[in-house]
Amino acid sequence: MIYDFIIVSILLLFAYLGSYTLYHKNFISRAVHIRLWNILILFSFLVSAGAGLTLLSLVECGLALPISQSFLYWHIKFGMSMFWIALFHMHSYWKSSKNIKIPDIPLRKEKGGKY
């Protein structure tokens, strides 16, 4: 079975670059850009997890059905897309995560004068 990792990767990269360009040219807002990719990562997770759980339940029951190969194919296809969309997700939130201030919490002094 061929999974076409390069084709899926190129299609998703072009799609992300397209929506990112539309966002930077102010054709769509940042919220629309992020919402689109959040919906896609949710959808890819649901399909991949659903196919994976179906495969798991078939294996646990000791069943080997002809449809198992189809579930495996889509599980891997959507898993690959979820990998790329997760990277896009991290790219979208990278700058906002840099601005998080972690409060300086003093350590509690233990008995005996040690921290």
C-alpha atoms as a PDB file:
ATOM      1  CA  MET A   1       0.000   0.000   0.000  1.00  0.00           C
ATOM      2  CA  ILE A   2       1.389   3.423  -0.963  1.00  0.00           C
ATOM      3  CA  TYR A   3       0.683   6.335   1.362  1.00  0.00           C
ATOM      4  CA  ASP A   4       2.064   9.248  -0.732  1.00  0.00           C
ATOM      5  CA  PHE A   5       3.675  11.137   2.138  1.00  0.00           C
ATOM      6  CA  ILE A   6       5.296  13.678  -0.185  1.00  0.00           C
ATOM      7  CA  ILE A   7       2.066  14.484  -2.041  1.00  0.00           C
ATOM      8  CA  VAL A   8       0.098  14.951   1.200  1.00  0.00           C
ATOM      9  CA  SER A   9       2.921  17.076   2.614  1.00  0.00           C
ATOM     10  CA  ILE A  10       3.189  19.328  -0.434  1.00  0.00           C
ATOM     11  CA  LEU A  11      -0.587  19.829  -0.644  1.00  0.00           C
ATOM     12  CA  LEU A  12      -0.828  20.774   3.016  1.00  0.00           C
ATOM     13  CA  LEU A  13       2.225  23.052   2.842  1.00  0.00           C
ATOM     14  CA  PHE A  14       0.761  24.912  -0.143  1.00  0.00           C
ATOM     15  CA  ALA A  15      -2.620  25.170   1.574  1.00  0.00           C
ATOM     16  CA  TYR A  16      -1.029  26.561   4.733  1.00  0.00           C
ATOM     17  CA  LEU A  17       1.165  28.994   2.819  1.00  0.00           C
ATOM     18  CA  GLY A  18      -1.919  30.102   0.897  1.00  0.00           C
ATOM     19  CA  SER A  19      -3.985  30.808   3.987  1.00  0.00           C
ATOM     20  CA  TYR A  20      -0.985  32.381   5.717  1.00  0.00           C
ATOM     21  CA  THR A  21      -0.456  34.690   2.722  1.00  0.00           C
ATOM     22  CA  LEU A  22      -4.146  35.612   2.719  1.00  0.00           C
ATOM     23  CA  TYR A  23      -3.841  36.430   6.414  1.00  0.00           C
ATOM     24  CA  HIS A  24      -0.732  38.584   5.919  1.00  0.00           C
ATOM     25  CA  LYS A  25      -2.330  40.437   2.969  1.00  0.00           C
ATOM     26  CA  ASN A  26      -5.372  41.133   5.199  1.00  0.00           C
ATOM     27  CA  PHE A  27      -7.816  39.209   3.012  1.00  0.00           C
ATOM     28  CA  ILE A  28      -8.745  37.075   6.001  1.00  0.00           C
ATOM     29  CA  SER A  29      -8.302  37.766   9.698  1.00  0.00           C
ATOM     30  CA  ARG A  30      -5.886  35.905  11.946  1.00  0.00           C
ATOM     31  CA  ALA A  31      -8.865  34.349  13.733  1.00  0.00           C
ATOM     32  CA  VAL A  32     -10.214  32.885  10.477  1.00  0.00           C
ATOM     33  CA  HIS A  33      -6.766  31.563   9.537  1.00  0.00           C
ATOM     34  CA  ILE A  34      -6.308  29.880  12.929  1.00  0.00           C
ATOM     35  CA  ARG A  35      -9.903  28.633  13.089  1.00  0.00           C
ATOM     36  CA  LEU A  36      -9.521  26.971   9.680  1.00  0.00           C
ATOM     37  CA  TRP A  37      -6.439  25.033  10.793  1.00  0.00           C
ATOM     38  CA  ASN A  38      -7.940  24.215  14.194  1.00  0.00           C
ATOM     39  CA  ILE A  39     -10.939  22.667  12.430  1.00  0.00           C
ATOM     40  CA  LEU A  40      -8.647  20.722  10.109  1.00  0.00           C
ATOM     41  CA  ILE A  41      -6.544  19.361  12.981  1.00  0.00           C
ATOM     42  CA  LEU A  42      -9.731  18.351  14.813  1.00  0.00           C
ATOM     43  CA  PHE A  43     -11.123  16.629  11.731  1.00  0.00           C
ATOM     44  CA  SER A  44      -7.862  14.815  11.003  1.00  0.00           C
ATOM     45  CA  PHE A  45      -7.653  13.688  14.632  1.00  0.00           C
ATOM     46  CA  LEU A  46     -11.222  12.398  14.661  1.00  0.00           C
ATOM     47  CA  VAL A  47     -10.773  10.398  11.454  1.00  0.00           C
ATOM     48  CA  SER A  48      -7.360   9.032  12.472  1.00  0.00           C
ATOM     49  CA  ALA A  49      -8.491   8.179  15.993  1.00  0.00           C
ATOM     50  CA  GLY A  50     -11.756   6.656  14.756  1.00  0.00           C
ATOM     51  CA  ALA A  51      -9.977   4.440  12.247  1.00  0.00           C
ATOM     52  CA  GLY A  52      -7.335   3.529  14.833  1.00  0.00           C
ATOM     53  CA  LEU A  53      -9.890   2.590  17.459  1.00  0.00           C
ATOM     54  CA  THR A  54     -11.831   0.566  14.908  1.00  0.00           C
ATOM     55  CA  LEU A  55      -8.656  -1.290  13.963  1.00  0.00           C
ATOM     56  CA  LEU A  56      -7.847  -1.842  17.633  1.00  0.00           C
ATOM     57  CA  SER A  57     -11.291  -3.250  18.360  1.00  0.00           C
ATOM     58  CA  LEU A  58     -11.055  -5.578  15.340  1.00  0.00           C
ATOM     59  CA  VAL A  59      -7.661  -6.869  16.509  1.00  0.00           C
ATOM     60  CA  GLU A  60      -8.909  -7.322  20.084  1.00  0.00           C
ATOM     61  CA  CYS A  61     -11.859  -9.334  18.815  1.00  0.00           C
ATOM     62  CA  GLY A  62      -9.563 -11.415  16.640  1.00  0.00           C
ATOM     63  CA  LEU A  63     -11.236 -10.339  13.426  1.00  0.00           C
ATOM     64  CA  ALA A  64      -9.389  -9.900  10.159  1.00  0.00           C
ATOM     65  CA  LEU A  65     -11.807  -8.222   7.787  1.00  0.00           C
ATOM     66  CA  PRO A  66     -11.059  -7.024   4.253  1.00  0.00           C
ATOM     67  CA  ILE A  67     -12.029  -3.502   5.321  1.00  0.00           C
ATOM     68  CA  SER A  68      -9.156  -3.463   7.839  1.00  0.00           C
ATOM     69  CA  GLN A  69      -6.691  -2.467   5.103  1.00  0.00           C
ATOM     70  CA  SER A  70      -8.889   0.476   4.180  1.00  0.00           C
ATOM     71  CA  PHE A  71      -9.087   1.624   7.808  1.00  0.00           C
ATOM     72  CA  LEU A  72      -5.311   1.301   8.120  1.00  0.00           C
ATOM     73  CA  TYR A  73      -4.810   3.337   4.946  1.00  0.00           C
ATOM     74  CA  TRP A  74      -6.995   6.227   6.134  1.00  0.00           C
ATOM     75  CA  HIS A  75      -5.613   6.036   9.661  1.00  0.00           C
ATOM     76  CA  ILE A  76      -2.088   6.582   8.326  1.00  0.00           C
ATOM     77  CA  LYS A  77      -3.132   9.206   5.733  1.00  0.00           C
ATOM     78  CA  PHE A  78      -4.908  11.352   8.296  1.00  0.00           C
ATOM     79  CA  GLY A  79      -2.134  10.739  10.828  1.00  0.00           C
ATOM     80  CA  MET A  80       0.360  12.186   8.344  1.00  0.00           C
ATOM     81  CA  SER A  81      -1.847  15.209   7.771  1.00  0.00           C
ATOM     82  CA  MET A  82      -2.286  15.644  11.515  1.00  0.00           C
ATOM     83  CA  PHE A  83       1.514  15.768  11.880  1.00  0.00           C
ATOM     84  CA  TRP A  84       1.797  18.660   9.424  1.00  0.00           C
ATOM     85  CA  ILE A  85      -1.222  20.507  10.795  1.00  0.00           C
ATOM     86  CA  ALA A  86       0.210  20.177  14.315  1.00  0.00           C
ATOM     87  CA  LEU A  87       3.400  21.873  13.069  1.00  0.00           C
ATOM     88  CA  PHE A  88       1.272  24.640  11.526  1.00  0.00           C
ATOM     89  CA  HIS A  89      -0.585  24.919  14.829  1.00  0.00           C
ATOM     90  CA  MET A  90       2.689  25.394  16.708  1.00  0.00           C
ATOM     91  CA  HIS A  91       3.760  28.001  14.143  1.00  0.00           C
ATOM     92  CA  SER A  92       0.518  29.925  14.659  1.00  0.00           C
ATOM     93  CA  TYR A  93       0.940  30.094  18.431  1.00  0.00           C
ATOM     94  CA  TRP A  94       4.747  30.369  18.622  1.00  0.00           C
ATOM     95  CA  LYS A  95       4.909  34.156  19.048  1.00  0.00           C
ATOM     96  CA  SER A  96       2.089  34.302  21.574  1.00  0.00           C
ATOM     97  CA  SER A  97       3.740  31.642  23.720  1.00  0.00           C
ATOM     98  CA  LYS A  98       6.954  33.696  23.906  1.00  0.00           C
ATOM     99  CA  ASN A  99       5.094  36.522  25.663  1.00  0.00           C
ATOM    100  CA  ILE A 100       3.962  34.380  28.584  1.00  0.00           C
ATOM    101  CA  LYS A 101       5.467  35.656  31.806  1.00  0.00           C
ATOM    102  CA  ILE A 102       6.161  33.025  34.417  1.00  0.00           C
ATOM    103  CA  PRO A 103       5.843  34.547  37.874  1.00  0.00           C
ATOM    104  CA  ASP A 104       8.900  34.349  40.073  1.00  0.00           C
ATOM    105  CA  ILE A 105       7.708  32.207  42.963  1.00  0.00           C
ATOM    106  CA  PRO A 106      10.100  32.012  45.884  1.00  0.00           C
ATOM    107  CA  LEU A 107      10.919  28.543  47.109  1.00  0.00           C
ATOM    108  CA  ARG A 108       9.580  27.533  50.478  1.00  0.00           C
ATOM    109  CA  LYS A 109      12.285  27.239  53.087  1.00  0.00           C
ATOM    110  CA  GLU A 110      12.423  23.758  54.583  1.00  0.00           C
ATOM    111  CA  LYS A 111      13.384  22.911  58.133  1.00  0.00           C
ATOM    112  CA  GLY A 112      17.106  23.010  58.688  1.00  0.00           C
ATOM    113  CA  GLY A 113      17.698  26.074  56.500  1.00  0.00           C
ATOM    114  CA  LYS A 114      17.779  24.231  53.169  1.00  0.00           C
ATOM    115  CA  TYR A 115      15.710  25.181  50.179  1.00  0.00           C
END
